[in-house]
Amino acid sequence: MAELNVDLVAADRKVWSGAAHEVSAPSMEGQVGIRAGHTPILAVLRPGTVKVSTTQATAVEAHVTGGFISVDSDLVTIVVDEISELSGREPALH
C-alpha cells in the first residue's frame, strides 16, 4: 500500500512525524480524508479531531483548535493553532 509522509506541527514544536496510510482532518468545508495519490489541496481547519492511521497499524489522534492542512505529492503538512495531547502516540517523532 502506498504511503503518506505526515508532519503534524504546532506553533511551538513538531508534534508528530511519520508514515501513514490515511489522514482525516476537520476542514471548514467538512471532514477531509487523505490517502496516497490525493490531489494537492490547501484547507483551513476548524476545531475537531485529526486522525492519522499510521503504517505501524496504530492510530494517532489529537484535538485541534484550528490551523490548516496542505497536501502535495503524498506529503501532508498539518499546522495547528493549539493541540491537545496525542492519543495512540508511537515513537515516530524525528
N, C-alpha and C. Protein backbone atom coordinates (compact mmCIF):
# COMPACT_ATOMS: atom_id res chain seq x y z
N MET A 1 0.84 -1.17 0.00
CA MET A 1 0.00 0.00 0.00
C MET A 1 0.89 1.24 0.00
N ALA A 2 0.51 2.24 -0.77
CA ALA A 2 1.28 3.49 -0.86
C ALA A 2 1.19 4.25 0.47
N GLU A 3 2.19 5.07 0.71
CA GLU A 3 2.29 5.78 1.99
C GLU A 3 2.25 7.29 1.81
N LEU A 4 1.84 7.93 2.88
CA LEU A 4 1.92 9.38 3.01
C LEU A 4 3.03 9.70 3.99
N ASN A 5 3.69 10.81 3.80
CA ASN A 5 4.62 11.34 4.79
C ASN A 5 3.88 12.48 5.48
N VAL A 6 3.73 12.36 6.80
CA VAL A 6 2.90 13.30 7.55
C VAL A 6 3.74 14.06 8.57
N ASP A 7 3.55 15.37 8.62
CA ASP A 7 4.13 16.23 9.65
C ASP A 7 2.99 16.96 10.33
N LEU A 8 2.88 16.78 11.65
CA LEU A 8 1.89 17.48 12.46
C LEU A 8 2.65 18.47 13.32
N VAL A 9 2.38 19.76 13.11
CA VAL A 9 3.18 20.83 13.70
C VAL A 9 2.29 21.81 14.45
N ALA A 10 2.68 22.15 15.68
CA ALA A 10 2.02 23.22 16.44
C ALA A 10 2.86 24.48 16.30
N ALA A 11 2.36 25.56 16.82
CA ALA A 11 3.06 26.84 16.70
C ALA A 11 4.46 26.80 17.31
N ASP A 12 4.64 25.98 18.35
CA ASP A 12 5.90 25.99 19.07
C ASP A 12 6.74 24.73 18.92
N ARG A 13 6.24 23.70 18.17
CA ARG A 13 7.02 22.46 18.07
C ARG A 13 6.46 21.53 17.01
N LYS A 14 7.29 20.57 16.59
CA LYS A 14 6.82 19.48 15.75
C LYS A 14 6.22 18.46 16.70
N VAL A 15 4.97 18.11 16.50
CA VAL A 15 4.26 17.23 17.41
C VAL A 15 4.43 15.77 17.02
N TRP A 16 4.31 15.47 15.75
CA TRP A 16 4.41 14.09 15.28
C TRP A 16 4.84 14.10 13.82
N SER A 17 5.63 13.12 13.44
CA SER A 17 6.06 12.98 12.06
C SER A 17 6.23 11.50 11.77
N GLY A 18 5.77 11.06 10.60
CA GLY A 18 5.93 9.66 10.26
C GLY A 18 5.16 9.27 9.02
N ALA A 19 5.17 7.98 8.75
CA ALA A 19 4.49 7.43 7.57
C ALA A 19 3.07 7.01 7.96
N ALA A 20 2.14 7.20 7.03
CA ALA A 20 0.75 6.88 7.29
C ALA A 20 0.08 6.36 6.02
N HIS A 21 -1.03 5.65 6.24
CA HIS A 21 -1.86 5.19 5.14
C HIS A 21 -3.00 6.17 4.87
N GLU A 22 -3.45 6.86 5.93
CA GLU A 22 -4.60 7.75 5.79
C GLU A 22 -4.57 8.84 6.85
N VAL A 23 -5.09 10.02 6.48
CA VAL A 23 -5.23 11.14 7.41
C VAL A 23 -6.65 11.66 7.27
N SER A 24 -7.27 11.98 8.40
CA SER A 24 -8.59 12.59 8.42
C SER A 24 -8.49 13.86 9.24
N ALA A 25 -9.05 14.97 8.72
CA ALA A 25 -8.94 16.25 9.42
C ALA A 25 -10.23 17.06 9.23
N PRO A 26 -10.58 17.88 10.23
CA PRO A 26 -11.81 18.68 10.17
C PRO A 26 -11.62 20.01 9.44
N SER A 27 -11.87 20.04 8.15
CA SER A 27 -11.72 21.29 7.42
C SER A 27 -12.99 22.13 7.56
N MET A 28 -12.91 23.39 7.20
CA MET A 28 -14.07 24.28 7.26
C MET A 28 -15.18 23.82 6.31
N GLU A 29 -14.81 23.08 5.28
CA GLU A 29 -15.79 22.58 4.30
C GLU A 29 -16.34 21.21 4.67
N GLY A 30 -15.85 20.64 5.77
CA GLY A 30 -16.27 19.31 6.19
C GLY A 30 -15.06 18.43 6.43
N GLN A 31 -15.30 17.22 6.89
CA GLN A 31 -14.21 16.29 7.17
C GLN A 31 -13.51 15.92 5.86
N VAL A 32 -12.19 15.99 5.84
CA VAL A 32 -11.42 15.64 4.65
C VAL A 32 -10.59 14.40 4.95
N GLY A 33 -10.62 13.45 4.02
CA GLY A 33 -9.83 12.24 4.14
C GLY A 33 -8.75 12.23 3.07
N ILE A 34 -7.54 11.90 3.47
CA ILE A 34 -6.39 11.93 2.57
C ILE A 34 -5.76 10.55 2.51
N ARG A 35 -5.53 10.05 1.31
CA ARG A 35 -4.76 8.83 1.07
C ARG A 35 -3.71 9.13 0.02
N ALA A 36 -2.76 8.23 -0.14
CA ALA A 36 -1.70 8.42 -1.14
C ALA A 36 -2.32 8.68 -2.51
N GLY A 37 -1.73 9.59 -3.25
CA GLY A 37 -2.21 9.94 -4.57
C GLY A 37 -3.27 11.02 -4.58
N HIS A 38 -3.61 11.57 -3.41
CA HIS A 38 -4.63 12.63 -3.33
C HIS A 38 -4.18 13.85 -4.11
N THR A 39 -5.13 14.53 -4.72
CA THR A 39 -4.79 15.76 -5.42
C THR A 39 -4.31 16.81 -4.42
N PRO A 40 -3.46 17.72 -4.85
CA PRO A 40 -2.98 18.77 -3.94
C PRO A 40 -4.15 19.61 -3.41
N ILE A 41 -4.10 19.90 -2.12
CA ILE A 41 -5.10 20.78 -1.51
C ILE A 41 -4.44 21.64 -0.45
N LEU A 42 -5.11 22.73 -0.14
CA LEU A 42 -4.79 23.58 1.00
C LEU A 42 -6.12 23.93 1.61
N ALA A 43 -6.34 23.54 2.88
CA ALA A 43 -7.63 23.76 3.52
C ALA A 43 -7.44 24.31 4.93
N VAL A 44 -8.36 25.17 5.33
CA VAL A 44 -8.38 25.72 6.68
C VAL A 44 -9.07 24.71 7.59
N LEU A 45 -8.50 24.50 8.78
CA LEU A 45 -9.08 23.56 9.74
C LEU A 45 -9.98 24.28 10.73
N ARG A 46 -11.04 23.61 11.13
CA ARG A 46 -11.91 24.07 12.21
C ARG A 46 -11.59 23.22 13.45
N PRO A 47 -12.09 23.58 14.60
CA PRO A 47 -11.86 22.74 15.78
C PRO A 47 -12.41 21.33 15.56
N GLY A 48 -11.65 20.34 16.00
CA GLY A 48 -12.06 18.95 15.83
C GLY A 48 -10.89 18.02 16.05
N THR A 49 -11.05 16.79 15.57
CA THR A 49 -10.03 15.77 15.79
C THR A 49 -9.31 15.41 14.50
N VAL A 50 -8.00 15.45 14.54
CA VAL A 50 -7.15 14.98 13.45
C VAL A 50 -6.81 13.52 13.76
N LYS A 51 -6.99 12.65 12.77
CA LYS A 51 -6.69 11.23 12.94
C LYS A 51 -5.69 10.80 11.87
N VAL A 52 -4.65 10.10 12.30
CA VAL A 52 -3.64 9.59 11.39
C VAL A 52 -3.56 8.08 11.57
N SER A 53 -3.84 7.33 10.50
CA SER A 53 -3.69 5.87 10.53
C SER A 53 -2.28 5.57 10.05
N THR A 54 -1.41 5.19 10.97
CA THR A 54 0.00 5.02 10.65
C THR A 54 0.27 3.70 9.95
N THR A 55 1.45 3.59 9.39
CA THR A 55 1.86 2.34 8.74
C THR A 55 2.20 1.27 9.77
N GLN A 56 2.27 1.65 11.03
CA GLN A 56 2.56 0.70 12.12
C GLN A 56 1.28 0.15 12.74
N ALA A 57 0.16 0.32 12.04
CA ALA A 57 -1.15 -0.19 12.47
C ALA A 57 -1.62 0.44 13.78
N THR A 58 -1.23 1.68 14.02
CA THR A 58 -1.75 2.42 15.16
C THR A 58 -2.46 3.66 14.64
N ALA A 59 -3.27 4.24 15.49
CA ALA A 59 -3.95 5.48 15.12
C ALA A 59 -3.48 6.58 16.07
N VAL A 60 -3.08 7.69 15.50
CA VAL A 60 -2.69 8.86 16.28
C VAL A 60 -3.84 9.85 16.16
N GLU A 61 -4.36 10.31 17.29
CA GLU A 61 -5.47 11.26 17.30
C GLU A 61 -5.15 12.42 18.22
N ALA A 62 -5.59 13.61 17.81
CA ALA A 62 -5.41 14.80 18.63
C ALA A 62 -6.51 15.80 18.32
N HIS A 63 -6.99 16.47 19.35
CA HIS A 63 -7.96 17.53 19.16
C HIS A 63 -7.21 18.81 18.83
N VAL A 64 -7.67 19.52 17.80
CA VAL A 64 -7.04 20.78 17.39
C VAL A 64 -8.07 21.90 17.46
N THR A 65 -7.59 23.13 17.61
CA THR A 65 -8.50 24.28 17.67
C THR A 65 -8.62 24.98 16.33
N GLY A 66 -7.78 24.65 15.39
CA GLY A 66 -7.79 25.28 14.08
C GLY A 66 -6.42 25.20 13.46
N GLY A 67 -6.27 25.74 12.26
CA GLY A 67 -4.99 25.72 11.56
C GLY A 67 -5.22 25.48 10.09
N PHE A 68 -4.31 24.74 9.44
CA PHE A 68 -4.51 24.40 8.04
C PHE A 68 -3.84 23.07 7.72
N ILE A 69 -4.26 22.47 6.62
CA ILE A 69 -3.67 21.24 6.12
C ILE A 69 -3.27 21.46 4.67
N SER A 70 -2.08 20.98 4.34
CA SER A 70 -1.55 21.08 2.98
C SER A 70 -1.18 19.68 2.51
N VAL A 71 -1.59 19.35 1.28
CA VAL A 71 -1.25 18.05 0.70
C VAL A 71 -0.65 18.30 -0.68
N ASP A 72 0.52 17.71 -0.92
CA ASP A 72 1.17 17.82 -2.23
C ASP A 72 2.16 16.66 -2.37
N SER A 73 2.00 15.86 -3.41
CA SER A 73 2.90 14.73 -3.71
C SER A 73 3.08 13.79 -2.52
N ASP A 74 1.97 13.39 -1.90
CA ASP A 74 1.96 12.46 -0.77
C ASP A 74 2.67 13.00 0.47
N LEU A 75 2.90 14.30 0.53
CA LEU A 75 3.41 14.96 1.72
C LEU A 75 2.25 15.73 2.34
N VAL A 76 1.89 15.38 3.57
CA VAL A 76 0.80 16.03 4.29
C VAL A 76 1.39 16.83 5.43
N THR A 77 1.13 18.14 5.42
CA THR A 77 1.59 19.01 6.48
C THR A 77 0.37 19.59 7.17
N ILE A 78 0.28 19.36 8.48
CA ILE A 78 -0.83 19.87 9.27
C ILE A 78 -0.25 20.85 10.27
N VAL A 79 -0.63 22.11 10.15
CA VAL A 79 -0.15 23.15 11.05
C VAL A 79 -1.34 23.60 11.89
N VAL A 80 -1.23 23.46 13.21
CA VAL A 80 -2.37 23.75 14.07
C VAL A 80 -2.07 24.90 15.02
N ASP A 81 -3.14 25.60 15.40
CA ASP A 81 -3.03 26.70 16.36
C ASP A 81 -2.71 26.16 17.75
N GLU A 82 -3.56 25.24 18.22
CA GLU A 82 -3.36 24.58 19.51
C GLU A 82 -3.75 23.13 19.36
N ILE A 83 -3.10 22.27 20.15
CA ILE A 83 -3.34 20.83 20.04
C ILE A 83 -3.35 20.22 21.44
N SER A 84 -4.27 19.27 21.63
CA SER A 84 -4.28 18.53 22.90
C SER A 84 -3.24 17.42 22.83
N GLU A 85 -3.01 16.76 23.92
CA GLU A 85 -2.05 15.64 23.94
C GLU A 85 -2.51 14.56 22.98
N LEU A 86 -1.57 13.93 22.32
CA LEU A 86 -1.88 12.87 21.37
C LEU A 86 -2.31 11.60 22.09
N SER A 87 -3.20 10.86 21.44
CA SER A 87 -3.52 9.51 21.92
C SER A 87 -3.02 8.53 20.87
N GLY A 88 -2.60 7.37 21.30
CA GLY A 88 -2.08 6.37 20.36
C GLY A 88 -0.72 6.72 19.84
N ARG A 89 -0.01 7.58 20.53
CA ARG A 89 1.28 8.07 20.06
C ARG A 89 2.30 6.92 19.95
N GLU A 90 3.01 6.90 18.87
CA GLU A 90 4.09 5.94 18.67
C GLU A 90 5.39 6.71 18.54
N PRO A 91 6.52 6.08 18.67
CA PRO A 91 7.80 6.80 18.61
C PRO A 91 8.22 7.13 17.19
N ALA A 92 7.40 7.93 16.48
CA ALA A 92 7.72 8.27 15.10
C ALA A 92 8.19 9.71 14.96
N LEU A 93 8.27 10.43 16.05
CA LEU A 93 8.72 11.82 16.01
C LEU A 93 10.22 11.84 15.71
N HIS A 94 10.60 12.56 14.66
CA HIS A 94 12.01 12.67 14.32
C HIS A 94 12.29 13.98 13.62
